[in-house]
Protein backbone atom coordinates (compact mmCIF):
# COMPACT_ATOMS: atom_id res chain seq x y z
CA MET A 1 21.73 14.82 -13.78
CA LYS A 2 23.36 11.39 -14.09
CA SER A 3 22.19 8.92 -16.68
CA LYS A 4 20.79 6.26 -13.94
CA GLY A 5 18.46 9.04 -12.75
CA LEU A 6 17.24 9.98 -16.09
CA LEU A 7 16.45 6.36 -16.81
CA ILE A 8 14.38 6.20 -13.68
CA LEU A 9 12.62 9.24 -15.19
CA ILE A 10 12.11 7.38 -18.45
CA SER A 11 10.72 4.19 -16.83
CA ILE A 12 8.26 6.39 -15.12
CA ARG A 13 7.16 7.98 -18.32
CA MET A 14 6.89 4.69 -19.83
CA VAL A 15 4.25 3.60 -17.16
CA ILE A 16 2.27 6.75 -17.79
CA ALA A 17 2.32 5.83 -21.66
CA TRP A 18 1.02 2.49 -20.92
CA ILE A 19 -1.75 3.89 -19.00
CA GLY A 20 -2.43 6.20 -22.03
CA VAL A 21 -2.72 2.66 -23.96
CA VAL A 22 -5.40 1.58 -21.35
CA ALA A 23 -7.17 4.80 -21.81
CA SER A 24 -7.30 4.31 -25.59
CA VAL A 25 -8.67 0.83 -25.33
CA LEU A 26 -11.28 2.05 -22.97
CA ASN A 27 -12.33 5.16 -25.08
CA PHE A 28 -12.23 3.41 -28.56
CA GLY A 29 -15.04 4.66 -30.51
CA LYS A 30 -15.70 7.42 -28.02
CA PRO A 31 -14.82 11.41 -28.37
CA PRO A 32 -11.72 11.12 -25.99
CA PHE A 33 -10.21 8.46 -28.01
CA GLY A 34 -8.18 10.78 -30.33
CA ILE A 35 -6.99 12.77 -27.14
CA ALA A 36 -5.85 9.37 -25.58
CA ILE A 37 -3.95 8.22 -28.70
CA ALA A 38 -2.14 11.78 -29.02
CA PHE A 39 -1.15 11.40 -25.25
CA THR A 40 0.04 7.84 -25.57
CA ILE A 41 2.26 8.77 -28.83
CA TYR A 42 3.67 11.88 -27.29
CA PHE A 43 5.03 9.80 -24.16
CA PHE A 44 5.93 6.84 -25.82
CA GLY A 45 7.90 8.71 -28.79
CA SER A 46 9.44 11.02 -26.46
CA SER A 47 10.53 8.41 -23.93
CA LEU A 48 12.16 6.13 -26.82
CA ILE A 49 13.97 9.39 -28.22
CA GLY A 50 15.17 10.25 -24.57
CA LYS A 51 16.45 6.77 -23.80
CA SER A 52 18.52 6.71 -27.06
CA ILE A 53 19.94 9.99 -25.99
CA ILE A 54 20.77 9.14 -22.39
CA GLN A 55 22.64 6.10 -23.59
CA LYS A 56 24.99 8.06 -25.87
CA GLU A 57 28.22 9.23 -23.99
CA THR A 58 27.11 12.84 -23.88
CA SER A 59 24.09 11.93 -21.76
CA ASN A 60 25.69 13.18 -18.50
CA LYS A 61 25.92 16.56 -19.95
CA ILE A 62 22.20 17.17 -19.94
CA SER A 63 21.46 20.16 -17.42
CA ASN A 64 19.18 20.50 -14.87
CA PRO A 65 17.30 23.44 -16.21
CA THR A 66 16.82 21.49 -19.67
CA ILE A 67 15.20 18.35 -17.58
CA MET A 68 13.11 20.97 -15.73
CA ILE A 69 11.56 22.34 -19.09
CA PHE A 70 10.79 18.63 -20.14
CA LEU A 71 9.27 18.11 -16.88
CA VAL A 72 6.87 21.25 -17.17
CA LEU A 73 6.11 20.26 -20.87
CA ASP A 74 5.04 16.77 -19.72
CA TYR A 75 2.56 18.27 -17.17
CA LEU A 76 1.24 20.68 -19.75
CA VAL A 77 0.61 17.68 -22.07
CA LEU A 78 -1.12 15.75 -19.24
CA LEU A 79 -3.22 18.78 -17.96
CA SER A 80 -4.40 19.57 -21.68
CA GLY A 81 -5.39 15.87 -21.95
CA PHE A 82 -7.15 16.29 -18.88
CA TYR A 83 -9.00 19.35 -19.58
CA LEU A 84 -9.71 18.22 -23.32
CA ALA A 85 -11.24 15.11 -22.08
CA ILE A 86 -13.66 16.78 -20.18
CA ALA A 87 -14.51 19.17 -23.15
CA ALA A 88 -14.95 16.28 -25.29
CA HIS A 89 -17.33 14.37 -23.46
CA PRO A 90 -20.95 14.68 -24.49
CA GLU A 91 -23.41 16.91 -22.48
CA GLY A 92 -24.55 15.10 -19.40
CA LEU A 93 -21.31 13.12 -19.05
CA LYS A 94 -18.74 15.95 -18.40
CA ALA A 95 -17.98 14.95 -14.90
CA LEU A 96 -16.67 11.29 -15.94
CA PRO A 97 -13.05 12.60 -16.60
CA ILE A 98 -12.66 13.87 -12.90
CA GLN A 99 -14.28 10.54 -11.56
CA ASN A 100 -12.38 8.40 -13.88
CA SER A 101 -9.52 6.48 -11.65
CA ILE A 102 -7.12 6.81 -14.69
CA PHE A 103 -6.68 10.41 -14.71
CA PHE A 104 -6.33 10.53 -10.79
CA THR A 105 -3.68 7.71 -11.39
CA LEU A 106 -1.81 9.81 -13.93
CA PHE A 107 -1.68 12.88 -11.79
CA PHE A 108 -0.33 10.65 -9.01
CA LEU A 109 2.27 9.16 -11.30
CA TYR A 110 3.45 12.43 -12.44
CA GLN A 111 4.04 13.43 -9.11
CA LEU A 112 6.07 10.42 -8.38
CA TYR A 113 7.70 11.18 -11.61
CA ILE A 114 8.92 14.61 -10.59
CA SER A 115 9.93 13.46 -7.12
CA PHE A 116 12.63 11.38 -8.80
CA PHE A 117 14.29 14.29 -10.12
CA LEU A 118 15.38 14.86 -6.35
CA HIS A 119 15.00 18.70 -6.41
CA ARG A 120 13.21 19.43 -3.21
CA THR A 121 11.82 23.15 -4.40
CA PHE A 122 11.03 21.98 -7.86
CA SER A 123 9.25 19.09 -6.72
CA THR A 124 7.36 20.92 -3.94
CA VAL A 125 6.20 23.69 -6.28
CA MET A 126 5.34 21.29 -9.15
CA GLY A 127 3.48 19.32 -6.60
CA ILE A 128 1.30 22.08 -5.75
CA ILE A 129 0.74 23.21 -9.41
CA VAL A 130 -0.39 19.64 -10.33
CA ILE A 131 -2.94 19.51 -7.43
CA CYS A 132 -4.16 22.96 -8.45
CA GLY A 133 -4.35 21.53 -12.04
CA TYR A 134 -6.47 18.75 -10.67
CA LEU A 135 -8.74 21.12 -8.95
CA GLY A 136 -8.93 23.30 -12.05
CA GLY A 137 -10.49 20.50 -13.90
CA MET A 138 -13.67 20.98 -11.59
CA VAL A 139 -13.62 24.67 -12.70
CA VAL A 140 -13.43 23.62 -16.43
CA ALA A 141 -16.33 20.89 -15.92
CA ASN A 142 -18.38 23.55 -14.09
CA LEU A 143 -18.03 25.87 -17.07
CA GLN A 144 -19.35 23.03 -19.25
CA GLY A 145 -22.32 22.81 -17.11
CA VAL A 146 -21.38 20.22 -14.48
CA GLU A 147 -23.33 20.55 -11.11
CA VAL A 148 -20.62 20.94 -8.30
CA ASP A 149 -22.23 20.06 -4.76
CA PHE A 150 -20.53 22.10 -1.98
CA GLY A 151 -22.48 20.74 0.96
CA TYR A 152 -21.01 18.64 3.73
CA GLN A 153 -23.69 15.93 3.33
CA LEU A 154 -22.22 12.96 0.77
CA THR A 155 -24.59 12.39 -1.99
CA PRO A 156 -24.09 9.92 -4.89
CA GLN A 157 -22.12 11.53 -7.77
CA GLY A 158 -23.27 11.00 -11.17
CA PRO A 159 -22.09 11.55 -14.88
CA ASN A 160 -22.96 15.34 -14.69
CA ARG A 161 -22.66 15.83 -10.77
CA ILE A 162 -19.35 16.32 -8.74
CA VAL A 163 -19.39 16.15 -5.02
CA PHE A 164 -16.82 18.60 -3.65
CA VAL A 165 -16.02 16.85 -0.27
CA LEU A 166 -15.18 13.63 -2.14
CA GLU A 167 -12.76 15.25 -4.72
CA ILE A 168 -11.02 17.14 -1.80
CA LEU A 169 -10.46 13.71 0.01
CA LYS A 170 -8.80 12.71 -3.07
CA VAL A 171 -6.70 15.65 -3.22
CA ILE A 172 -5.68 15.11 0.64
CA LEU A 173 -4.70 11.62 -0.31
CA LEU A 174 -2.68 12.90 -3.36
CA LEU A 175 -0.82 15.43 -1.22
CA ALA A 176 -0.09 12.80 1.49
CA LYS A 177 1.08 10.12 -0.87
CA THR A 178 3.18 12.81 -2.61
CA VAL A 179 4.77 13.96 0.53
CA CYS A 180 5.71 10.48 1.70
CA ILE A 181 7.15 9.30 -1.63
CA VAL A 182 9.14 12.21 -2.09
CA LYS A 183 10.84 11.99 1.25
CA LEU A 184 11.32 8.28 1.07
CA VAL A 185 12.88 8.29 -2.34
CA SER A 186 14.95 11.16 -1.63
CA PHE A 187 16.12 9.85 1.56
CA LEU A 188 17.05 6.39 0.21
CA LEU A 189 18.83 7.62 -3.06
CA ALA A 190 20.77 10.08 -0.84
CA ILE A 191 21.97 7.28 1.44
CA LEU A 192 22.91 4.97 -1.53
CA GLU A 193 24.72 7.80 -3.44
CA ASN A 194 26.70 8.96 -0.36
CA ASN A 195 27.38 5.74 1.47
CA ASN A 196 27.81 2.97 -1.04
CA GLN A 197 31.49 3.56 -1.53
CA ARG A 198 32.08 3.75 2.21
CA LEU A 199 30.06 0.70 3.19
CA SER A 200 32.05 -1.35 0.73
CA GLU A 201 35.44 -0.19 2.10
CA GLU A 202 34.17 -0.69 5.85
CA LEU A 203 33.22 -4.07 5.17
CA ASN A 204 36.91 -5.11 4.70
CA GLU A 205 38.48 -2.58 6.83
CA ARG A 206 36.54 -2.80 10.21
CA GLU A 207 35.83 -5.70 12.69
CA ILE A 208 32.55 -7.47 12.35
CA SER A 209 30.99 -6.06 15.54
CA LEU A 210 31.61 -2.49 14.16
CA ILE A 211 29.84 -3.43 11.01
CA GLN A 212 26.84 -4.62 12.67
CA ASN A 213 26.27 -1.43 14.88
CA ASP A 214 27.12 0.97 12.06
CA ARG A 215 24.83 -0.51 9.57
CA LEU A 216 21.90 -1.27 11.76
CA VAL A 217 22.13 2.14 13.36
CA THR A 218 21.88 3.79 9.81
CA LEU A 219 18.99 1.66 8.99
CA GLY A 220 17.56 2.63 12.23
CA SER A 221 17.70 6.26 11.50
CA LEU A 222 16.10 5.54 7.98
CA ALA A 223 13.53 3.52 9.56
CA SER A 224 12.46 6.21 11.88
CA ASN A 225 12.40 9.16 9.57
CA VAL A 226 10.55 7.15 6.90
CA ALA A 227 7.99 5.82 9.49
CA HIS A 228 7.41 9.26 10.90
CA GLU A 229 6.87 10.82 7.42
CA ILE A 230 4.30 7.87 6.51
CA LYS A 231 2.39 7.77 9.87
CA ASN A 232 1.42 11.24 10.04
CA PRO A 233 -0.69 11.35 6.78
CA LEU A 234 -2.31 8.10 7.54
CA ALA A 235 -3.36 9.48 10.91
CA GLY A 236 -4.84 12.37 9.07
CA ILE A 237 -6.79 10.18 6.53
CA LYS A 238 -7.97 8.11 9.47
CA SER A 239 -9.25 11.17 11.43
CA MET A 240 -10.74 12.61 8.56
CA VAL A 241 -12.65 9.42 7.60
CA SER A 242 -13.87 8.95 11.16
CA TYR A 243 -14.82 12.59 11.20
CA LEU A 244 -17.22 12.23 8.20
CA LEU A 245 -18.63 9.17 9.69
CA ALA A 246 -19.49 10.84 13.02
CA GLU A 247 -20.85 13.85 11.09
CA GLU A 248 -22.92 11.53 9.11
CA LYS A 249 -24.29 9.79 12.39
CA SER A 250 -24.96 12.94 13.89
CA TYR A 251 -27.09 14.08 11.00
CA LEU A 252 -29.13 10.74 11.19
CA SER A 253 -29.77 10.98 14.97
CA ASN A 254 -31.05 14.24 14.23
CA LYS A 255 -33.47 13.27 11.74
CA ASP A 256 -34.77 10.40 13.87
CA PRO A 257 -33.34 9.95 17.42
CA LEU A 258 -34.61 6.51 17.46
CA TRP A 259 -33.11 5.20 14.30
CA TYR A 260 -30.76 2.98 16.15
CA GLN A 261 -33.99 0.97 17.70
CA LYS A 262 -35.33 0.82 14.40
CA GLU A 263 -31.83 -0.48 12.93
CA LYS A 264 -32.47 -3.42 15.28
CA GLN A 265 -35.78 -4.60 13.46
CA ILE A 266 -33.73 -4.92 10.27
CA LEU A 267 -33.32 -8.33 8.79
CA TRP A 268 -29.94 -9.46 7.48
CA LYS A 269 -29.06 -11.87 5.10
CA HIS A 270 -25.76 -13.55 3.42
CA ARG A 271 -26.21 -14.15 -0.11
CA THR A 272 -24.10 -16.12 -2.53
CA LYS A 273 -23.01 -14.55 -5.94
CA LYS A 274 -25.82 -16.54 -7.59
CA GLU A 275 -28.41 -15.12 -5.19
CA LYS A 276 -27.17 -11.71 -5.44
CA ARG A 277 -27.87 -11.82 -8.99
CA GLU A 278 -31.28 -13.22 -8.61
CA GLU A 279 -32.29 -11.10 -5.83
CA LEU A 280 -31.37 -7.90 -7.76
CA ASP A 281 -34.23 -8.47 -10.24
CA VAL A 282 -36.66 -9.39 -7.50
CA ILE A 283 -35.97 -6.29 -5.53
CA LEU A 284 -36.47 -4.09 -8.63
CA GLU A 285 -39.76 -5.55 -9.37
CA LEU A 286 -41.00 -5.40 -5.67
CA PHE A 287 -40.49 -1.66 -5.32
CA PRO A 288 -41.87 -0.21 -8.76
CA PHE A 289 -42.94 3.04 -6.85
CA LEU A 290 -39.52 4.21 -6.50
CA GLU A 291 -37.86 6.14 -9.11
CA ARG A 292 -35.58 4.14 -11.50
CA ARG A 293 -32.35 5.64 -9.97
CA ASP A 294 -33.49 5.28 -6.44
CA ARG A 295 -34.61 1.76 -7.04
CA PHE A 296 -31.38 0.59 -8.47
CA TYR A 297 -29.55 2.21 -5.58
CA PHE A 298 -31.73 0.70 -3.16
CA ALA A 299 -31.23 -2.82 -4.63
CA ASP A 300 -27.53 -2.33 -4.78
CA ARG A 301 -27.22 -1.32 -1.16
CA CYS A 302 -29.33 -4.12 0.21
CA ILE A 303 -27.28 -6.77 -1.71
CA GLU A 304 -24.05 -5.25 -0.86
CA LEU A 305 -24.75 -4.69 2.71
CA GLY A 306 -26.34 -7.92 3.30
CA ILE A 307 -29.87 -6.35 4.08
CA ASP A 308 -32.94 -8.55 3.60
CA TYR A 309 -35.38 -6.82 1.33
CA LYS A 310 -38.21 -8.01 3.44
CA SER A 311 -37.54 -5.67 6.13
CA PHE A 312 -38.95 -2.74 3.89
CA GLU A 313 -41.95 -4.53 2.22
CA GLY A 314 -44.59 -3.07 4.45
CA ILE A 315 -43.56 0.46 3.80
CA PRO A 316 -46.01 2.23 1.32
CA GLY A 317 -44.89 3.93 -1.59
CA ASP A 318 -46.41 7.22 -0.77
CA ASP A 319 -44.73 7.41 2.67
CA ASN A 320 -41.96 9.86 1.53
CA THR A 321 -40.81 10.50 5.13
CA SER A 322 -40.05 6.85 5.80
CA TRP A 323 -38.44 6.15 2.43
CA ASP A 324 -36.17 9.41 2.61
CA PHE A 325 -34.98 8.11 6.09
CA ILE A 326 -34.33 4.66 4.72
CA PHE A 327 -31.99 6.07 1.96
CA LEU A 328 -30.24 8.34 4.48
CA TRP A 329 -29.57 5.21 6.61
CA LEU A 330 -28.38 3.17 3.67
CA LYS A 331 -25.87 5.88 2.94
CA TYR A 332 -24.74 5.98 6.35
CA LYS A 333 -24.27 2.08 6.54
CA THR A 334 -22.28 2.34 3.42
CA MET A 335 -19.92 4.91 4.98
CA GLU A 336 -19.73 2.79 7.93
CA ASN A 337 -18.52 -0.14 6.03
CA ALA A 338 -15.80 2.03 4.01
CA ASN A 339 -14.81 3.51 7.44
CA LEU A 340 -14.07 -0.03 8.69
CA LEU A 341 -12.26 -1.10 5.55
CA ILE A 342 -10.06 2.08 5.64
CA SER A 343 -9.24 1.90 9.29
CA ASN A 344 -8.32 -1.79 9.25
CA ALA A 345 -6.12 -1.03 6.40
CA ILE A 346 -4.26 1.84 8.20
CA ASP A 347 -3.95 -0.28 11.13
CA ARG A 348 -2.19 -2.98 9.18
CA THR A 349 0.21 -0.43 7.61
CA GLU A 350 0.91 1.05 10.93
CA LYS A 351 1.44 -2.50 12.28
CA VAL A 352 4.22 -3.04 9.67
CA ILE A 353 5.70 0.43 10.02
CA SER A 354 6.16 -0.27 13.77
CA THR A 355 7.76 -3.69 12.88
CA PHE A 356 10.21 -1.91 10.51
CA GLN A 357 10.88 0.61 13.21
CA GLN A 358 12.13 -1.84 15.50
CA PHE A 359 14.75 -3.32 13.17
CA SER A 360 16.75 -0.03 14.22
CA LYS A 361 17.12 -1.29 17.78
CA PRO A 362 18.71 -4.74 17.77
CA PHE A 363 22.22 -3.56 18.59
CA ALA A 364 21.47 -0.10 19.89
CA ASP A 365 19.07 -1.29 22.42
CA ARG A 366 19.97 -4.37 24.59
CA GLU A 367 17.03 -4.32 26.99
CA LYS A 368 15.24 -7.60 27.46
CA SER A 369 11.78 -7.95 28.54
CA TYR A 370 8.86 -10.58 28.65
CA VAL A 371 7.67 -11.14 24.99
CA LYS A 372 5.25 -13.26 23.34
CA ILE A 373 7.42 -15.16 20.60
CA GLY A 374 4.32 -15.77 18.31
CA ASN A 375 3.59 -12.13 18.21
CA GLY A 376 7.02 -11.14 16.94
CA ILE A 377 7.02 -13.91 14.22
CA ARG A 378 3.58 -12.97 12.89
CA ASP A 379 4.62 -9.19 12.53
CA ILE A 380 7.30 -10.63 10.23
CA LEU A 381 5.06 -12.69 8.32
CA ILE A 382 2.89 -9.61 7.51
CA LEU A 383 5.93 -7.91 6.11
CA TYR A 384 6.41 -10.77 3.57
CA ASN A 385 2.63 -11.01 2.94
CA GLN A 386 2.98 -10.56 -0.81
CA TYR A 387 4.67 -14.00 -0.91
CA TRP A 388 1.95 -15.66 0.67
CA GLU A 389 -0.78 -14.21 -1.32
CA MET A 390 0.80 -14.54 -4.58
CA ASN A 391 2.92 -17.68 -5.13
CA ARG A 392 3.98 -19.40 -1.79
CA ASN A 393 2.09 -21.73 0.71
CA LEU A 394 2.56 -20.66 4.46
CA ILE A 395 1.63 -23.21 7.09
CA THR A 396 2.01 -22.06 10.83
CA GLU A 397 1.61 -23.94 13.87
CA ILE A 398 2.39 -21.28 16.55
CA ASP A 399 1.61 -21.52 20.32
CA ASP A 400 0.61 -17.91 20.91
CA GLN A 401 0.81 -18.20 24.81
CA LEU A 402 4.56 -18.94 24.91
CA THR A 403 6.58 -16.11 26.56
CA THR A 404 10.26 -15.65 26.91
CA TYR A 405 12.61 -13.06 28.37
CA VAL A 406 14.36 -11.56 25.47
CA ASN A 407 15.24 -8.31 23.41
CA GLU A 408 12.18 -8.36 21.15
CA ALA A 409 13.72 -6.11 18.26
CA SER A 410 16.90 -8.28 18.06
CA MET A 411 14.75 -11.49 17.84
CA LYS A 412 12.44 -9.73 15.26
CA LEU A 413 15.68 -9.39 13.02
CA VAL A 414 16.40 -13.17 13.39
CA TRP A 415 12.86 -14.19 12.40
CA SER A 416 13.04 -11.83 9.45
CA HIS A 417 16.53 -13.34 8.21
CA LEU A 418 15.52 -16.88 8.62
CA ILE A 419 12.08 -16.51 7.05
CA PHE A 420 13.32 -14.35 3.97
CA ASN A 421 16.08 -17.01 3.37
CA ALA A 422 13.43 -19.65 3.24
CA ILE A 423 11.51 -17.52 0.71
CA GLN A 424 14.62 -17.21 -1.52
CA ALA A 425 15.38 -20.85 -1.22
CA THR A 426 11.82 -21.95 -2.45
CA GLU A 427 10.48 -21.64 -6.00
CA PRO A 428 7.19 -19.59 -6.92
CA LYS A 429 3.92 -21.60 -7.01
CA THR A 430 5.48 -24.76 -5.68
CA GLY A 431 7.19 -23.29 -2.42
CA GLU A 432 5.92 -24.04 1.08
CA ILE A 433 7.34 -22.62 4.18
CA LYS A 434 6.13 -24.05 7.68
CA VAL A 435 6.65 -22.17 10.90
CA ILE A 436 6.42 -24.07 14.36
CA VAL A 437 6.47 -22.55 17.61
CA ASN A 438 5.90 -25.02 20.57
CA LYS A 439 7.38 -25.91 24.06
CA ALA A 440 10.08 -28.62 23.48
CA GLN A 441 10.97 -28.96 26.92
CA PRO A 442 9.45 -27.45 30.03
CA GLU A 443 11.88 -24.66 30.19
CA THR A 444 12.65 -24.32 26.40
CA ILE A 445 10.76 -22.74 23.44
CA GLU A 446 11.53 -24.23 20.09
CA ILE A 447 11.15 -22.20 16.88
CA LYS A 448 11.29 -24.12 13.49
CA ILE A 449 11.32 -22.62 10.12
CA ILE A 450 11.07 -25.17 7.45
CA ASP A 451 11.04 -25.00 3.64
CA ASN A 452 10.99 -27.27 0.66
CA GLY A 453 13.72 -25.69 -1.35
CA ILE A 454 16.54 -27.51 -3.08
CA GLY A 455 18.62 -27.58 0.47
CA ILE A 456 22.10 -26.81 1.65
CA PRO A 457 24.91 -28.92 0.09
CA LYS A 458 26.67 -30.70 2.79
CA ASP A 459 30.45 -29.62 1.60
CA ILE A 460 29.22 -25.88 2.45
CA ALA A 461 27.08 -26.59 5.57
CA LYS A 462 29.80 -26.38 8.04
CA ASN A 463 30.49 -22.74 6.92
CA LEU A 464 26.99 -21.44 6.85
CA PHE A 465 27.38 -19.37 10.10
CA GLU A 466 30.69 -17.84 9.31
CA PRO A 467 30.69 -14.15 8.48
CA PHE A 468 31.01 -12.89 4.83
CA PHE A 469 30.19 -16.48 3.73
CA THR A 470 27.22 -16.59 1.16
CA THR A 471 25.77 -18.77 -1.44
CA LYS A 472 23.70 -16.13 -3.06
CA GLU A 473 24.46 -14.18 -6.11
CA ARG A 474 26.75 -11.18 -6.20
CA GLY A 475 24.74 -7.94 -4.94
CA GLU A 476 22.01 -10.17 -3.38
CA GLY A 477 23.83 -10.56 -0.02
CA ILE A 478 27.30 -10.28 2.07
CA GLY A 479 27.11 -13.27 3.95
CA LEU A 480 26.44 -11.71 7.50
CA GLY A 481 22.70 -12.60 7.85
CA LEU A 482 23.20 -15.82 9.57
CA TYR A 483 26.04 -14.81 11.55
CA ILE A 484 24.26 -11.82 12.82
CA CYS A 485 21.39 -14.37 13.83
CA LYS A 486 23.55 -16.60 15.53
CA THR A 487 25.26 -13.73 17.55
CA ILE A 488 21.72 -12.46 18.62
CA VAL A 489 20.47 -15.76 19.63
CA SER A 490 23.56 -16.42 21.54
CA GLU A 491 23.04 -13.17 23.35
CA GLN A 492 19.57 -14.28 24.29
CA ASN A 493 21.03 -17.60 25.93
CA GLY A 494 19.58 -19.51 23.12
CA THR A 495 20.85 -21.90 20.28
CA ILE A 496 20.45 -22.07 16.58
CA SER A 497 20.95 -25.08 14.37
CA PHE A 498 19.75 -26.59 11.13
CA SER A 499 19.32 -29.82 9.03
CA SER A 500 19.11 -29.96 5.42
CA ASP A 501 18.25 -32.40 2.67
CA HIS A 502 17.05 -32.03 -0.73
CA GLY A 503 13.60 -30.82 -0.68
CA LYS A 504 13.70 -29.78 3.03
CA THR A 505 15.63 -27.32 5.13
CA GLU A 506 14.93 -26.81 8.82
CA PHE A 507 16.41 -24.14 10.94
CA ILE A 508 15.59 -24.51 14.58
CA VAL A 509 16.11 -21.78 17.24
CA THR A 510 15.73 -22.59 21.08
CA LEU A 511 15.17 -20.26 23.72
CA PRO A 512 15.12 -20.64 27.35
CA ILE A 513 12.19 -19.52 29.36
CA LEU A 514 14.11 -17.24 31.85
CA LYS A 515 13.22 -14.89 34.36
CA SER A 516 14.51 -11.43 35.05
CA ASN A 517 17.03 -10.84 37.52
């Protein structure tokens, strides 16, 4: 294995070691502290030694079987730490390492770790072994006296109680993510390794039109394969969550067919953070007849779900039937909220994937259709969502009703180039990007992308749309982005222009509102 690949493995091992540091801090003064320290020292020490070996001239002579041995050894250390942590916890707390997100994260990172080895058979076999090892933690915990609930009915987990259905869902998620990551990384590295040299030669030897088609078709193949591998696990997760919610609703209806009518009588209340803290104590005092654990669960659910506790004030404490139903209903509403959050997250991910897939079509598919320009621009803005959330200000003035007759996939590539160029031109924290879509004339749509970057020097402005002309650092671009944008816009019977001063650069795309022939 080459040194660059080995350095990637070392980098992931260092991430695992830092998680060990976090675990050490969290367990300071507790029985598992020594285990976390040993785990951290092993991964830090071996990573530093490995890095020094790789940087020597003989690093490329390290054989694949030798690397496999160390990957297996790392897994045994991780698994031993997991099992020892279960054993080290006091009686009554043995289930905590299984429910602890740190160990789940470590198992996930290890599967990412082995996937970078790029050996399909080894990664598949080790992936299955890793999942079996995680499941083995439940066996170890059960032998230590932990209760395992195998019922399909979801119940709250406790420090000495494991809900089997929840752990299976975590394993499904672990498996789905692993499949996606292995395929994605393997495919990307294969493309880079096999085509890098050929790409650089073709840029100088072929005509620009050939470069456009060849590169974008390659990207399209990558997009289609990756999107397919990601969408299938997402659909499975979404289906499973919906199924669990439907089962819970069915069980609720069997208990009380009129539960939905009773739900209409529930009072709902929005609380500020201060009111949440104050009402928690109020609820705990008003329902003293509930057991302590149930009382805290009841108060927490009322506050988190936005339920007014006054809806339950008239129910006597000895009415066990009503209170059992109330707790069942609260659990259902919690699952309903969780299902909504998961479904929204998956829908948003699928929308991003669909946009990514469309990048394969700009030159392979020239078919035009009536599209709303605003929808395509919003899809691209979602792709760069991390920039708006973290360090740049986005302002949009988009008329979502404006429709034109263009090739949607091609225009999305234009928006992607222009918006990302604006992001690169602006500074973090102070950067501001404005996107305006309006009707400039009765038969013309005008799209403006404005940024507050340093601007474009006048001496290079005339060359901006020429092929292979770039102002970016070496390796960041080859100077085809704006040329491709101009070519695409011209094919849609539109125009593209720009104006720039220090502190403001404005790209303007105009598109006619045409009728199909």
